[in-house]
C-alpha cells in the first residue's frame, strides 16, 4: 500500500510546471527563489522545494531511478524553461533521462522533489544521505547547501 502511495505521489510531482513568457510570476516560472531556514533556495513554479543528488554529476545523467525516483520524484521540464525572480536563466538546462524525457537542471545538477514535502515551501529532507548520495537544496547561484 505504501509503495502505491509513493508511486501516485511521484506521478503527481512529475507533471510539468506551466510554461510562460511575458509577465513571469511563480505560477508560470520553471524555477523560483524563496527564503527558508537554509537561506534563499530554489523552488519550482508551484512552490515545491527542489533538491540535487550528489551521486549525480553536474551535466551528467541522473542516477536516480526506480525506488529512488519514487521517493525523489524527478522534476521534468516543461516545453519552455522560464527563470523566475532571482533565478539565473543561464544556469537553467535539461538532461535526458532513460526513455528520453527531459529533467530540469540548474548549474548542471538534475533537480528533484522529495515525496514527503507535501506543503508549499516545505523542506523536510535537506542534507540527508539516501540511495548512495546526499540530497541537498540549491542556492540561486547554483551551489548546493551543505
N, C-alpha and C. Protein backbone atom coordinates (compact mmCIF):
# COMPACT_ATOMS: atom_id res chain seq x y z
N UNK A 1 0.82 -1.18 0.00
CA UNK A 1 0.00 0.00 0.00
C UNK A 1 0.87 1.25 0.00
N UNK A 2 1.95 1.25 0.81
CA UNK A 2 2.84 2.41 0.87
C UNK A 2 3.51 2.66 -0.48
N UNK A 3 3.90 1.58 -1.18
CA UNK A 3 4.53 1.72 -2.49
C UNK A 3 3.56 2.35 -3.48
N UNK A 4 2.31 1.93 -3.46
CA UNK A 4 1.31 2.51 -4.35
C UNK A 4 1.14 4.00 -4.06
N UNK A 5 1.11 4.37 -2.79
CA UNK A 5 1.01 5.77 -2.40
C UNK A 5 2.20 6.57 -2.92
N UNK A 6 3.42 6.04 -2.76
CA UNK A 6 4.62 6.73 -3.23
C UNK A 6 4.62 6.89 -4.74
N UNK A 7 4.19 5.87 -5.45
CA UNK A 7 4.13 5.96 -6.92
C UNK A 7 3.12 7.01 -7.34
N UNK A 8 1.95 7.03 -6.72
CA UNK A 8 0.92 8.03 -7.06
C UNK A 8 1.41 9.43 -6.77
N UNK A 9 2.08 9.62 -5.64
CA UNK A 9 2.62 10.92 -5.30
C UNK A 9 3.72 11.32 -6.27
N UNK A 10 4.56 10.37 -6.67
CA UNK A 10 5.62 10.64 -7.63
C UNK A 10 5.04 11.09 -8.97
N UNK A 11 3.97 10.46 -9.40
CA UNK A 11 3.33 10.86 -10.65
C UNK A 11 2.77 12.27 -10.56
N UNK A 12 2.22 12.62 -9.41
CA UNK A 12 1.70 13.97 -9.22
C UNK A 12 2.81 15.00 -9.36
N UNK A 13 3.96 14.75 -8.73
CA UNK A 13 5.08 15.68 -8.80
C UNK A 13 5.74 15.69 -10.17
N UNK A 14 5.61 14.63 -10.94
CA UNK A 14 6.27 14.54 -12.23
C UNK A 14 5.58 15.36 -13.31
N UNK A 15 4.38 15.85 -13.05
CA UNK A 15 3.70 16.66 -14.05
C UNK A 15 4.47 17.93 -14.28
N UNK A 16 4.69 18.35 -15.54
CA UNK A 16 5.47 19.54 -15.79
C UNK A 16 4.79 20.78 -15.28
N UNK A 17 5.61 21.74 -14.85
CA UNK A 17 5.08 23.04 -14.45
C UNK A 17 4.65 23.79 -15.69
N UNK A 18 3.76 24.74 -15.52
CA UNK A 18 3.28 25.51 -16.65
C UNK A 18 4.39 26.30 -17.31
N UNK A 19 4.32 26.48 -18.63
CA UNK A 19 5.29 27.29 -19.32
C UNK A 19 4.75 28.69 -19.44
N UNK A 20 5.63 29.63 -19.65
CA UNK A 20 5.19 31.01 -19.76
C UNK A 20 6.22 31.85 -20.43
N UNK A 21 5.90 33.12 -20.66
CA UNK A 21 6.85 34.04 -21.26
C UNK A 21 6.72 35.38 -20.57
N UNK A 22 6.05 36.34 -21.20
CA UNK A 22 5.93 37.67 -20.62
C UNK A 22 5.14 37.62 -19.32
N UNK A 23 5.43 38.57 -18.42
CA UNK A 23 4.70 38.64 -17.17
C UNK A 23 4.98 37.46 -16.28
N UNK A 24 6.24 37.09 -16.13
CA UNK A 24 6.62 35.91 -15.35
C UNK A 24 6.22 36.08 -13.89
N UNK A 25 5.55 35.11 -13.36
CA UNK A 25 5.28 35.03 -11.93
C UNK A 25 5.55 33.61 -11.49
N UNK A 26 5.40 33.34 -10.21
CA UNK A 26 5.74 32.00 -9.73
C UNK A 26 4.85 30.92 -10.33
N UNK A 27 3.65 31.27 -10.79
CA UNK A 27 2.77 30.27 -11.38
C UNK A 27 3.24 29.84 -12.77
N UNK A 28 4.02 30.67 -13.46
CA UNK A 28 4.48 30.31 -14.81
C UNK A 28 5.97 30.03 -14.86
N UNK A 29 6.71 30.40 -13.84
CA UNK A 29 8.16 30.19 -13.84
C UNK A 29 8.49 28.72 -13.64
N UNK A 30 9.54 28.27 -14.30
CA UNK A 30 10.05 26.91 -14.10
C UNK A 30 10.69 26.82 -12.72
N UNK A 31 11.48 27.85 -12.37
CA UNK A 31 12.13 27.91 -11.06
C UNK A 31 11.89 29.27 -10.43
N UNK A 32 11.76 29.27 -9.12
CA UNK A 32 11.65 30.50 -8.34
C UNK A 32 12.60 30.40 -7.16
N UNK A 33 12.73 31.49 -6.42
CA UNK A 33 13.58 31.53 -5.23
C UNK A 33 12.72 31.96 -4.06
N UNK A 34 12.92 31.28 -2.93
CA UNK A 34 12.22 31.63 -1.69
C UNK A 34 13.23 31.63 -0.55
N UNK A 35 12.90 32.41 0.46
CA UNK A 35 13.69 32.45 1.69
C UNK A 35 13.24 31.30 2.59
N UNK A 36 14.22 30.55 3.15
CA UNK A 36 13.93 29.44 4.05
C UNK A 36 14.92 29.47 5.20
N UNK A 37 14.82 28.54 6.09
CA UNK A 37 15.80 28.45 7.18
C UNK A 37 17.20 28.10 6.66
N UNK A 38 17.30 27.65 5.39
CA UNK A 38 18.58 27.36 4.76
C UNK A 38 19.07 28.53 3.91
N UNK A 39 18.38 29.65 4.01
CA UNK A 39 18.68 30.81 3.17
C UNK A 39 17.81 30.78 1.94
N UNK A 40 18.20 31.54 0.93
CA UNK A 40 17.44 31.59 -0.33
C UNK A 40 17.78 30.35 -1.15
N UNK A 41 16.72 29.60 -1.52
CA UNK A 41 16.91 28.36 -2.28
C UNK A 41 15.89 28.27 -3.41
N UNK A 42 16.09 27.29 -4.29
CA UNK A 42 15.23 27.10 -5.45
C UNK A 42 13.97 26.30 -5.13
N UNK A 43 12.89 26.72 -5.79
CA UNK A 43 11.61 26.03 -5.75
C UNK A 43 11.08 25.96 -7.17
N UNK A 44 10.18 25.02 -7.42
CA UNK A 44 9.54 25.02 -8.73
C UNK A 44 8.48 26.13 -8.75
N UNK A 45 7.85 26.34 -9.89
CA UNK A 45 6.85 27.40 -10.03
C UNK A 45 5.61 27.20 -9.18
N UNK A 46 5.43 26.01 -8.64
CA UNK A 46 4.29 25.72 -7.78
C UNK A 46 4.62 25.89 -6.30
N UNK A 47 5.88 26.22 -5.99
CA UNK A 47 6.28 26.42 -4.60
C UNK A 47 6.79 25.18 -3.91
N UNK A 48 7.20 24.17 -4.66
CA UNK A 48 7.76 22.94 -4.09
C UNK A 48 9.29 23.01 -4.11
N UNK A 49 9.91 22.67 -3.00
CA UNK A 49 11.38 22.71 -2.89
C UNK A 49 12.02 21.76 -3.91
N UNK A 50 13.19 22.15 -4.37
CA UNK A 50 13.96 21.33 -5.32
C UNK A 50 15.29 20.94 -4.70
N UNK A 51 15.69 19.71 -4.97
CA UNK A 51 16.90 19.14 -4.40
C UNK A 51 17.82 18.63 -5.51
N UNK A 52 19.11 18.60 -5.21
CA UNK A 52 20.10 17.95 -6.06
C UNK A 52 20.62 16.73 -5.32
N UNK A 53 21.15 15.77 -6.07
CA UNK A 53 21.62 14.49 -5.54
C UNK A 53 23.11 14.40 -5.84
N UNK A 54 23.94 14.26 -4.80
CA UNK A 54 25.38 14.29 -5.01
C UNK A 54 25.91 13.06 -5.74
N UNK A 55 25.11 12.02 -5.87
CA UNK A 55 25.55 10.86 -6.65
C UNK A 55 25.48 11.18 -8.15
N UNK A 56 24.61 12.13 -8.53
CA UNK A 56 24.60 12.64 -9.90
C UNK A 56 25.87 13.47 -10.09
N UNK A 57 26.24 13.69 -11.33
CA UNK A 57 27.35 14.59 -11.61
C UNK A 57 26.81 15.78 -12.38
N UNK A 58 27.44 16.93 -12.19
CA UNK A 58 27.00 18.12 -12.92
C UNK A 58 27.08 17.84 -14.41
N UNK A 59 26.01 18.17 -15.10
CA UNK A 59 25.88 18.00 -16.55
C UNK A 59 25.92 16.54 -16.99
N UNK A 60 25.80 15.63 -16.04
CA UNK A 60 25.79 14.21 -16.37
C UNK A 60 24.39 13.65 -16.25
N UNK A 61 24.25 12.38 -16.52
CA UNK A 61 22.93 11.75 -16.42
C UNK A 61 22.51 11.56 -14.97
N UNK A 62 21.22 11.46 -14.77
CA UNK A 62 20.68 11.17 -13.45
C UNK A 62 21.03 9.74 -13.06
N UNK A 63 21.25 9.54 -11.78
CA UNK A 63 21.48 8.20 -11.26
C UNK A 63 20.37 7.79 -10.30
N UNK A 64 19.23 8.45 -10.41
CA UNK A 64 18.10 8.17 -9.53
C UNK A 64 16.95 7.61 -10.35
N UNK A 65 16.71 6.30 -10.21
CA UNK A 65 15.65 5.60 -10.92
C UNK A 65 14.95 4.65 -9.94
N UNK A 66 13.88 4.04 -10.35
CA UNK A 66 13.14 3.03 -9.59
C UNK A 66 12.73 3.55 -8.22
N UNK A 67 13.13 2.83 -7.15
CA UNK A 67 12.73 3.22 -5.79
C UNK A 67 13.24 4.62 -5.45
N UNK A 68 14.42 4.96 -5.91
CA UNK A 68 14.96 6.31 -5.68
C UNK A 68 14.02 7.36 -6.26
N UNK A 69 13.60 7.17 -7.51
CA UNK A 69 12.72 8.15 -8.17
C UNK A 69 11.31 8.16 -7.58
N UNK A 70 10.90 7.08 -6.91
CA UNK A 70 9.61 7.09 -6.22
C UNK A 70 9.69 7.98 -4.98
N UNK A 71 10.81 7.94 -4.26
CA UNK A 71 11.00 8.77 -3.08
C UNK A 71 11.41 10.20 -3.44
N UNK A 72 12.12 10.35 -4.54
CA UNK A 72 12.64 11.64 -5.01
C UNK A 72 12.16 11.87 -6.44
N UNK A 73 10.88 12.27 -6.60
CA UNK A 73 10.33 12.44 -7.96
C UNK A 73 11.14 13.44 -8.79
N UNK A 74 11.38 13.05 -10.02
CA UNK A 74 12.13 13.86 -10.98
C UNK A 74 11.32 15.12 -11.30
N UNK A 75 12.01 16.23 -11.44
CA UNK A 75 11.37 17.47 -11.89
C UNK A 75 11.55 17.52 -13.40
N UNK A 76 10.50 17.12 -14.12
CA UNK A 76 10.54 17.09 -15.58
C UNK A 76 10.37 18.48 -16.15
N UNK A 77 10.99 18.70 -17.30
CA UNK A 77 11.00 20.01 -17.93
C UNK A 77 9.72 20.30 -18.70
N UNK A 78 9.19 21.51 -18.53
CA UNK A 78 8.11 21.95 -19.40
C UNK A 78 8.70 22.28 -20.77
N UNK A 79 7.87 22.66 -21.71
CA UNK A 79 8.37 22.98 -23.06
C UNK A 79 9.38 24.12 -23.04
N UNK A 80 9.10 25.14 -22.22
CA UNK A 80 9.97 26.31 -22.15
C UNK A 80 10.47 26.47 -20.73
N UNK A 81 11.77 26.69 -20.57
CA UNK A 81 12.35 26.92 -19.25
C UNK A 81 12.30 28.42 -18.96
N UNK A 82 11.63 28.79 -17.88
CA UNK A 82 11.44 30.20 -17.54
C UNK A 82 12.02 30.47 -16.16
N UNK A 83 12.97 31.40 -16.10
CA UNK A 83 13.59 31.79 -14.84
C UNK A 83 12.71 32.80 -14.12
N UNK A 84 12.31 32.49 -12.91
CA UNK A 84 11.56 33.44 -12.09
C UNK A 84 12.51 34.42 -11.44
N UNK A 85 11.98 35.33 -10.65
CA UNK A 85 12.78 36.35 -9.97
C UNK A 85 13.86 35.69 -9.11
N UNK A 86 15.10 36.12 -9.28
CA UNK A 86 16.22 35.59 -8.51
C UNK A 86 16.89 34.38 -9.11
N UNK A 87 16.33 33.84 -10.19
CA UNK A 87 16.89 32.65 -10.85
C UNK A 87 17.68 33.10 -12.07
N UNK A 88 18.83 32.52 -12.28
CA UNK A 88 19.67 32.85 -13.44
C UNK A 88 19.30 31.98 -14.63
N UNK A 89 18.74 32.61 -15.67
CA UNK A 89 18.32 31.88 -16.87
C UNK A 89 19.46 31.05 -17.45
N UNK A 90 20.68 31.59 -17.41
CA UNK A 90 21.84 30.89 -17.97
C UNK A 90 22.21 29.62 -17.23
N UNK A 91 21.73 29.43 -16.01
CA UNK A 91 22.02 28.21 -15.25
C UNK A 91 20.94 27.14 -15.43
N UNK A 92 19.82 27.52 -16.06
CA UNK A 92 18.74 26.57 -16.33
C UNK A 92 19.09 25.68 -17.52
N UNK A 93 18.78 24.42 -17.42
CA UNK A 93 19.02 23.50 -18.53
C UNK A 93 18.25 22.22 -18.33
N UNK A 94 18.57 21.23 -19.14
CA UNK A 94 17.94 19.92 -19.03
C UNK A 94 18.97 18.83 -19.29
N UNK A 95 18.64 17.65 -18.85
CA UNK A 95 19.40 16.44 -19.15
C UNK A 95 18.38 15.38 -19.54
N UNK A 96 18.72 14.56 -20.51
CA UNK A 96 17.80 13.49 -20.94
C UNK A 96 17.92 12.30 -20.00
N UNK A 97 16.76 11.77 -19.63
CA UNK A 97 16.71 10.56 -18.80
C UNK A 97 16.52 9.36 -19.70
N UNK A 98 16.73 8.16 -19.15
CA UNK A 98 16.40 6.95 -19.89
C UNK A 98 14.95 7.07 -20.34
N UNK A 99 14.67 6.79 -21.56
CA UNK A 99 13.32 6.94 -22.09
C UNK A 99 13.13 8.25 -22.83
N UNK A 100 14.08 9.19 -22.69
CA UNK A 100 14.06 10.41 -23.48
C UNK A 100 13.46 11.65 -22.85
N UNK A 101 12.76 11.53 -21.73
CA UNK A 101 12.18 12.74 -21.12
C UNK A 101 13.27 13.64 -20.59
N UNK A 102 12.99 14.95 -20.60
CA UNK A 102 13.97 15.93 -20.15
C UNK A 102 13.74 16.29 -18.68
N UNK A 103 14.82 16.23 -17.90
CA UNK A 103 14.78 16.61 -16.50
C UNK A 103 15.40 18.00 -16.36
N UNK A 104 14.77 18.87 -15.58
CA UNK A 104 15.30 20.21 -15.35
C UNK A 104 16.61 20.11 -14.59
N UNK A 105 17.59 20.92 -14.99
CA UNK A 105 18.86 21.04 -14.28
C UNK A 105 19.08 22.50 -13.92
N UNK A 106 19.90 22.72 -12.92
CA UNK A 106 20.32 24.07 -12.56
C UNK A 106 21.81 24.00 -12.25
N UNK A 107 22.57 24.81 -12.96
CA UNK A 107 24.03 24.76 -12.87
C UNK A 107 24.53 23.33 -13.12
N UNK A 108 23.81 22.62 -13.98
CA UNK A 108 24.18 21.26 -14.36
C UNK A 108 23.64 20.17 -13.46
N UNK A 109 23.10 20.50 -12.30
CA UNK A 109 22.59 19.49 -11.36
C UNK A 109 21.15 19.11 -11.72
N UNK A 110 20.87 17.84 -11.98
CA UNK A 110 19.48 17.40 -12.16
C UNK A 110 18.68 17.68 -10.88
N UNK A 111 17.43 18.11 -11.03
CA UNK A 111 16.61 18.52 -9.89
C UNK A 111 15.48 17.54 -9.61
N UNK A 112 15.15 17.44 -8.32
CA UNK A 112 14.15 16.50 -7.82
C UNK A 112 13.30 17.18 -6.75
N UNK A 113 12.12 16.62 -6.51
CA UNK A 113 11.30 16.95 -5.35
C UNK A 113 11.52 15.85 -4.32
N UNK A 114 11.03 16.06 -3.11
CA UNK A 114 11.00 14.99 -2.12
C UNK A 114 9.55 14.64 -1.87
N UNK A 115 9.22 13.37 -1.92
CA UNK A 115 7.83 12.91 -1.87
C UNK A 115 7.11 13.34 -0.60
N UNK A 116 7.80 13.50 0.52
CA UNK A 116 7.14 13.88 1.77
C UNK A 116 7.05 15.39 1.99
N UNK A 117 7.57 16.18 1.07
CA UNK A 117 7.35 17.64 1.12
C UNK A 117 5.96 17.88 0.53
N UNK A 118 4.96 17.90 1.38
CA UNK A 118 3.58 17.95 0.91
C UNK A 118 2.98 19.36 0.95
N UNK A 119 3.58 20.26 1.71
CA UNK A 119 3.08 21.64 1.78
C UNK A 119 3.98 22.56 0.97
N UNK A 120 3.41 23.59 0.40
CA UNK A 120 4.20 24.56 -0.35
C UNK A 120 5.23 25.18 0.58
N UNK A 121 6.45 25.33 0.07
CA UNK A 121 7.53 25.92 0.85
C UNK A 121 8.20 24.98 1.82
N UNK A 122 7.73 23.76 1.94
CA UNK A 122 8.26 22.80 2.92
C UNK A 122 9.59 22.21 2.44
N UNK A 123 10.56 22.11 3.36
CA UNK A 123 11.86 21.49 3.09
C UNK A 123 12.12 20.52 4.23
N UNK A 124 11.89 19.22 4.00
CA UNK A 124 11.99 18.25 5.10
C UNK A 124 13.16 17.29 4.97
N UNK A 125 13.90 17.33 3.87
CA UNK A 125 14.92 16.30 3.70
C UNK A 125 16.25 16.87 3.23
N UNK A 126 16.63 18.03 3.76
CA UNK A 126 17.91 18.65 3.43
C UNK A 126 19.05 17.91 4.11
N UNK A 127 20.14 17.68 3.37
CA UNK A 127 21.37 17.08 3.89
C UNK A 127 21.13 15.68 4.44
N UNK A 128 20.37 14.90 3.71
CA UNK A 128 20.05 13.52 4.08
C UNK A 128 20.76 12.58 3.11
N UNK A 129 21.35 11.51 3.65
CA UNK A 129 22.02 10.52 2.82
C UNK A 129 21.05 9.38 2.52
N UNK A 130 20.75 9.20 1.23
CA UNK A 130 19.89 8.12 0.76
C UNK A 130 20.31 7.75 -0.65
N UNK A 131 20.16 6.48 -0.98
CA UNK A 131 20.43 5.97 -2.33
C UNK A 131 21.86 6.28 -2.81
N UNK A 132 22.79 6.27 -1.87
CA UNK A 132 24.21 6.41 -2.22
C UNK A 132 24.73 7.82 -2.36
N UNK A 133 23.96 8.81 -1.94
CA UNK A 133 24.44 10.20 -2.02
C UNK A 133 23.67 11.09 -1.07
N UNK A 134 24.09 12.35 -1.03
CA UNK A 134 23.40 13.34 -0.21
C UNK A 134 22.37 14.07 -1.06
N UNK A 135 21.27 14.45 -0.43
CA UNK A 135 20.22 15.26 -1.05
C UNK A 135 20.32 16.64 -0.45
N UNK A 136 20.55 17.63 -1.31
CA UNK A 136 20.81 18.99 -0.86
C UNK A 136 19.97 19.99 -1.65
N UNK A 137 19.48 21.02 -0.96
CA UNK A 137 18.79 22.10 -1.65
C UNK A 137 19.82 22.96 -2.38
N UNK A 138 19.33 23.79 -3.31
CA UNK A 138 20.21 24.51 -4.23
C UNK A 138 20.01 26.02 -4.07
N UNK A 139 21.12 26.74 -4.01
CA UNK A 139 21.08 28.21 -3.92
C UNK A 139 20.87 28.81 -5.32
N UNK A 140 20.42 30.06 -5.38
CA UNK A 140 20.23 30.71 -6.68
C UNK A 140 21.51 30.84 -7.53
N UNK A 141 22.68 30.78 -6.88
CA UNK A 141 23.94 30.84 -7.64
C UNK A 141 24.36 29.48 -8.17
N UNK A 142 23.56 28.43 -7.89
CA UNK A 142 23.83 27.10 -8.37
C UNK A 142 24.62 26.21 -7.43
N UNK A 143 25.06 26.75 -6.30
CA UNK A 143 25.79 25.91 -5.34
C UNK A 143 24.80 25.14 -4.48
N UNK A 144 25.27 24.02 -3.93
CA UNK A 144 24.45 23.17 -3.08
C UNK A 144 24.65 23.58 -1.64
N UNK A 145 23.57 23.57 -0.86
CA UNK A 145 23.63 23.93 0.56
C UNK A 145 24.08 22.71 1.34
N UNK A 146 25.21 22.82 2.00
CA UNK A 146 25.75 21.68 2.77
C UNK A 146 25.54 21.87 4.24
